Structures are given as C-alpha cells and as structure tokens.
C-alpha cells in the first residue's frame, strides 16, 4: 500500500469507538435523519446526472451510510474505502448484509489511493473536502481523484454565498474559534476558489446541487475528467 502524501490532524480521531458513534449518530434524532434523507436525495440525483456510473469508489465511506443508495443500481460495483480501517470495519458490520455483499472494502488514503489509474467510473466523496483548509492539500487529493477515475467525480463541501456560511465566517465566530485554541477542521471554501482548483486538477464542472439554496453551506459538485 502506498504511503499517504498528506496526513491531517483530524484523521487521527477515527478510532473504533468514534466509528461506532458516527454510525449511531446519523440514525438518531429527527434533524439528523432529515439531513441524511436530503443528502442521500441530492447524491442520488448527482449520480443520475453523472450517467449512473457502474464502478464507484466511495471515499471516504465512513460508516457506509451511502452504501444502500449506491447499491440501488443492481449492476453497480462499489469500492467502500476509508483512511480508517475501523471505519471500514464498522461500515461492514453496521449496514445490511445484502448491501455489504455488494461492496469491496479498502483501507486507503484519499491522498494516495491504493488503486491503479482509471480504476473506476466515478469517485464519490461525501463530507471530506470541507475538512481540508489548505489549497495544496485539496489539489493533492483532487489530482488523485483525477488519476483514479475514468470519467467523473461527485463530491460535497461547504461553500460561501449563503446564510450559514455568512454566520460561520462572521467575526464573532472567528474570535470564538481563535479563543478556543482548538484545531479547526471544518472550512468554508469560496466557490470561485474551489472551482479554480477543480480546473487546475484537470476537471470541468458539469453541475452543482445545493442542500438548501441560499441557506445551507453544503454543495455537491459533479465534475468531469477533462
């Protein structure tokens, strides 16, 4: 297995205990269940816009919460990958057996993916990019996605131009971050910035879908390999 070129501080927290907590938390509480429903709905639409890719790399797969949706297409082959071996193990134990049977598990880094060039039709990457604050780190990951995919990338992140981003980036919130002294591991990335990075990594933007337009920060991009 290739050594990861980038190691981020937040990745160290994904222990077995954290992985099991992550699996449970997305299944409890009305707001989280509604959020997951909406996120799955948009992701399903994105896959349709990408042409229903047959070979999909789900990276990071987390606790596998998108696997049942990815498995809705009976001919789809799924690689469920994560930097955390504990996350992959919890996903395989926590998702329905018939769904898990459709998934090839893989422990690997998004910055050095243990797959050959052009290995899949699409890279499906939910809730990772907003953790990466440095442009050079995002470009490293995006270039790996470009290497591994034959056709498309579907990914989510936080972008500006909405109410939630305005609140997150307010001076008061920034002072609170600074005063806490804790490691910041979630970032709002200006849409113009990330779209320029997509182009630099060799992608064109086919389309984007917003979680709640003008309100929520979450956006899903459908990228095509140029």
Protein backbone atom coordinates (compact mmCIF):
# COMPACT_ATOMS: atom_id res chain seq x y z
CA UNK A 1 0.00 0.00 0.00
CA UNK A 2 1.27 3.45 -0.87
CA UNK A 3 2.20 5.82 1.91
CA UNK A 4 -0.15 8.80 2.19
CA UNK A 5 1.42 12.02 0.96
CA UNK A 6 -0.67 14.14 3.34
CA UNK A 7 -1.55 13.44 6.98
CA UNK A 8 -4.19 15.69 8.54
CA UNK A 9 -4.60 16.05 12.29
CA UNK A 10 -8.33 15.31 12.36
CA UNK A 11 -7.85 11.89 10.75
CA UNK A 12 -6.33 10.55 13.96
CA UNK A 13 -9.68 10.68 15.78
CA UNK A 14 -11.32 7.90 13.75
CA UNK A 15 -10.88 5.08 16.25
CA UNK A 16 -13.22 2.09 16.57
CA UNK A 17 -15.17 3.92 19.29
CA UNK A 18 -15.53 7.04 17.16
CA UNK A 19 -16.56 4.97 14.13
CA UNK A 20 -19.35 3.27 16.11
CA UNK A 21 -20.51 6.65 17.45
CA UNK A 22 -20.54 8.01 13.88
CA UNK A 23 -22.72 5.12 12.73
CA UNK A 24 -25.22 5.69 15.57
CA UNK A 25 -25.44 9.46 15.40
CA UNK A 26 -26.72 9.58 11.82
CA UNK A 27 -29.56 7.23 12.79
CA UNK A 28 -30.83 9.20 15.80
CA UNK A 29 -32.66 12.50 16.13
CA UNK A 30 -35.17 13.95 13.71
CA UNK A 31 -32.89 16.70 12.40
CA UNK A 32 -30.05 14.27 11.58
CA UNK A 33 -32.39 11.82 9.92
CA UNK A 34 -33.91 14.61 7.82
CA UNK A 35 -30.43 15.88 6.94
CA UNK A 36 -29.33 12.40 5.88
CA UNK A 37 -32.50 11.95 3.81
CA UNK A 38 -31.85 15.22 1.97
CA UNK A 39 -28.16 14.43 1.46
CA UNK A 40 -28.96 10.99 0.05
CA UNK A 41 -31.62 12.53 -2.19
CA UNK A 42 -29.14 15.01 -3.69
CA UNK A 43 -26.42 12.37 -4.02
CA UNK A 44 -28.83 10.08 -5.88
CA UNK A 45 -29.63 12.96 -8.27
CA UNK A 46 -25.91 13.65 -8.76
CA UNK A 47 -25.26 10.01 -9.70
CA UNK A 48 -28.07 10.20 -12.23
CA UNK A 49 -26.59 13.38 -13.73
CA UNK A 50 -23.22 11.62 -13.90
CA UNK A 51 -24.81 8.87 -16.02
CA UNK A 52 -25.30 6.21 -13.31
CA UNK A 53 -21.64 5.09 -13.17
CA UNK A 54 -21.17 1.33 -12.91
CA UNK A 55 -17.91 1.30 -10.92
CA UNK A 56 -17.90 3.70 -7.96
CA UNK A 57 -15.25 4.41 -5.34
CA UNK A 58 -16.92 5.66 -2.15
CA UNK A 59 -14.10 7.55 -0.40
CA UNK A 60 -14.35 8.24 2.45
CA UNK A 61 -17.09 5.70 3.04
CA UNK A 62 -17.34 6.50 6.77
CA UNK A 63 -19.84 4.15 8.38
CA UNK A 64 -21.28 3.22 4.98
CA UNK A 65 -24.41 5.35 5.21
CA UNK A 66 -24.48 5.90 1.41
CA UNK A 67 -23.99 2.23 0.56
CA UNK A 68 -27.71 1.33 0.42
CA UNK A 69 -28.31 4.21 -2.01
CA UNK A 70 -25.26 3.31 -4.11
CA UNK A 71 -26.47 -0.30 -4.24
CA UNK A 72 -29.86 0.70 -5.67
CA UNK A 73 -28.38 0.19 -9.14
CA UNK A 74 -28.14 -3.61 -9.42
CA UNK A 75 -25.20 -3.55 -11.87
CA UNK A 76 -23.09 -1.12 -9.85
CA UNK A 77 -19.78 -2.28 -8.36
CA UNK A 78 -18.86 -0.40 -5.18
CA UNK A 79 -15.50 0.03 -3.51
CA UNK A 80 -16.04 1.25 0.07
CA UNK A 81 -12.80 2.94 1.14
CA UNK A 82 -11.65 4.96 4.11
CA UNK A 83 -8.39 6.08 5.69
CA UNK A 84 -9.61 4.47 8.91
CA UNK A 85 -9.64 0.67 8.98
CA UNK A 86 -12.04 0.92 11.95
CA UNK A 87 -14.49 2.94 9.87
CA UNK A 88 -14.45 0.32 7.12
CA UNK A 89 -14.97 -2.49 9.65
CA UNK A 90 -17.88 -0.70 11.35
CA UNK A 91 -19.47 0.02 7.96
CA UNK A 92 -19.28 -3.65 7.00
CA UNK A 93 -20.87 -4.67 10.32
CA UNK A 94 -23.46 -1.91 10.51
CA UNK A 95 -25.01 -1.91 7.04
CA UNK A 96 -27.48 -4.51 5.67
CA UNK A 97 -25.82 -7.80 4.74
CA UNK A 98 -27.15 -7.81 1.18
CA UNK A 99 -25.70 -4.33 0.66
CA UNK A 100 -22.33 -5.18 2.23
CA UNK A 101 -22.11 -8.18 -0.10
CA UNK A 102 -22.01 -5.70 -2.99
CA UNK A 103 -19.11 -3.70 -1.53
CA UNK A 104 -15.38 -4.33 -1.84
CA UNK A 105 -13.79 -2.84 1.34
CA UNK A 106 -10.50 -0.95 1.09
CA UNK A 107 -8.40 0.90 3.66
CA UNK A 108 -6.57 3.71 1.85
CA UNK A 109 -5.87 7.44 1.95
CA UNK A 110 -7.62 9.89 -0.37
CA UNK A 111 -4.20 11.48 -0.91
CA UNK A 112 -2.58 8.26 -2.14
CA UNK A 113 -5.31 5.91 -3.31
CA UNK A 114 -4.30 2.26 -3.50
CA UNK A 115 -5.87 1.71 -6.92
CA UNK A 116 -4.46 1.84 -10.46
CA UNK A 117 -5.05 4.66 -12.94
CA UNK A 118 -8.58 4.85 -14.39
CA UNK A 119 -9.79 2.16 -11.99
CA UNK A 120 -13.40 3.37 -11.57
CA UNK A 121 -16.07 5.25 -13.49
CA UNK A 122 -16.65 7.69 -10.64
CA UNK A 123 -15.20 8.78 -7.31
CA UNK A 124 -17.97 9.51 -4.79
CA UNK A 125 -16.63 11.64 -1.92
CA UNK A 126 -19.03 12.98 0.69
CA UNK A 127 -18.04 15.12 3.69
CA UNK A 128 -14.29 15.20 3.22
CA UNK A 129 -13.29 18.32 1.29
CA UNK A 130 -14.66 20.74 3.88
CA UNK A 131 -12.11 19.33 6.35
CA UNK A 132 -9.17 20.40 4.17
CA UNK A 133 -8.15 24.01 4.72
CA UNK A 134 -5.00 24.22 2.59
CA UNK A 135 -5.20 24.59 -1.18
CA UNK A 136 -2.15 22.40 -1.82
CA UNK A 137 -3.73 19.57 0.18
CA UNK A 138 -7.01 19.84 -1.72
CA UNK A 139 -5.12 19.80 -5.02
CA UNK A 140 -3.19 16.71 -3.96
CA UNK A 141 -6.45 14.90 -3.28
CA UNK A 142 -8.18 16.16 -6.42
CA UNK A 143 -5.26 15.01 -8.58
CA UNK A 144 -5.52 11.54 -7.03
CA UNK A 145 -9.24 11.52 -7.85
CA UNK A 146 -8.35 12.57 -11.42
CA UNK A 147 -5.86 9.72 -11.69
CA UNK A 148 -8.22 7.04 -10.39
CA UNK A 149 -11.45 7.98 -12.17
CA UNK A 150 -12.16 7.34 -15.82
CA UNK A 151 -14.99 9.82 -16.07
CA UNK A 152 -16.49 11.68 -13.09
CA UNK A 153 -16.14 12.81 -9.50
CA UNK A 154 -19.05 13.59 -7.18
CA UNK A 155 -18.07 15.44 -4.02
CA UNK A 156 -19.50 17.66 -1.31
CA UNK A 157 -18.11 20.63 0.60
CA UNK A 158 -19.04 23.88 2.35
CA UNK A 159 -19.19 26.93 0.05
CA UNK A 160 -19.85 30.62 0.55
CA UNK A 161 -22.74 32.69 -0.79
CA UNK A 162 -25.38 31.53 1.71
CA UNK A 163 -26.72 32.42 5.16
CA UNK A 164 -24.97 29.61 7.05
CA UNK A 165 -21.58 30.49 5.54
CA UNK A 166 -22.11 34.14 6.46
CA UNK A 167 -22.68 33.09 10.07
CA UNK A 168 -19.76 30.66 10.10
CA UNK A 169 -17.37 33.30 8.78
CA UNK A 170 -18.63 36.15 10.97
CA UNK A 171 -16.01 37.97 13.10
CA UNK A 172 -17.73 36.73 16.26
CA UNK A 173 -17.47 33.09 15.16
CA UNK A 174 -13.85 33.56 14.13
CA UNK A 175 -12.98 35.08 17.51
CA UNK A 176 -14.65 32.10 19.19
CA UNK A 177 -12.54 29.70 17.12
CA UNK A 178 -9.38 31.60 18.00
CA UNK A 179 -10.22 31.78 21.71
CA UNK A 180 -10.88 28.06 21.97
CA UNK A 181 -7.38 27.25 20.76
CA UNK A 182 -8.68 24.02 19.24
CA UNK A 183 -7.66 22.62 15.87
CA UNK A 184 -10.01 23.91 13.18
CA UNK A 185 -11.06 21.05 10.92
CA UNK A 186 -14.02 22.49 9.02
CA UNK A 187 -13.70 25.24 6.44
CA UNK A 188 -15.95 27.31 4.19
CA UNK A 189 -14.27 27.42 0.78
CA UNK A 190 -15.24 30.21 -1.63
CA UNK A 191 -16.96 28.71 -4.68
CA UNK A 192 -14.64 30.64 -7.03
CA UNK A 193 -11.59 29.24 -5.24
CA UNK A 194 -12.63 25.61 -5.31
CA UNK A 195 -13.85 25.78 -8.90
CA UNK A 196 -10.44 27.17 -9.92
CA UNK A 197 -8.81 24.25 -8.09
CA UNK A 198 -11.07 21.81 -9.92
CA UNK A 199 -9.83 23.22 -13.22
CA UNK A 200 -6.21 23.12 -12.08
CA UNK A 201 -6.60 19.44 -11.17
CA UNK A 202 -7.98 18.66 -14.64
CA UNK A 203 -11.74 18.73 -14.16
CA UNK A 204 -14.64 20.65 -15.63
CA UNK A 205 -17.74 21.39 -13.56
CA UNK A 206 -20.79 19.71 -15.05
CA UNK A 207 -23.23 20.91 -12.42
CA UNK A 208 -23.68 21.66 -8.75
CA UNK A 209 -26.57 20.91 -6.39
CA UNK A 210 -27.18 22.83 -3.17
CA UNK A 211 -28.56 21.25 0.01
CA UNK A 212 -30.85 24.25 0.61
CA UNK A 213 -30.10 27.07 -1.87
CA UNK A 214 -29.04 30.39 -0.31
CA UNK A 215 -29.31 28.95 3.21
CA UNK A 216 -27.13 25.85 3.76
CA UNK A 217 -23.37 25.62 3.13
CA UNK A 218 -23.44 22.09 1.72
CA UNK A 219 -22.99 21.81 -2.04
CA UNK A 220 -22.45 18.73 -4.20
CA UNK A 221 -20.40 19.13 -7.38
CA UNK A 222 -20.48 16.81 -10.39
CA UNK A 223 -17.07 17.01 -12.09
CA UNK A 224 -15.95 15.55 -15.39
CA UNK A 225 -12.42 14.47 -16.16
CA UNK A 226 -11.16 16.84 -18.84
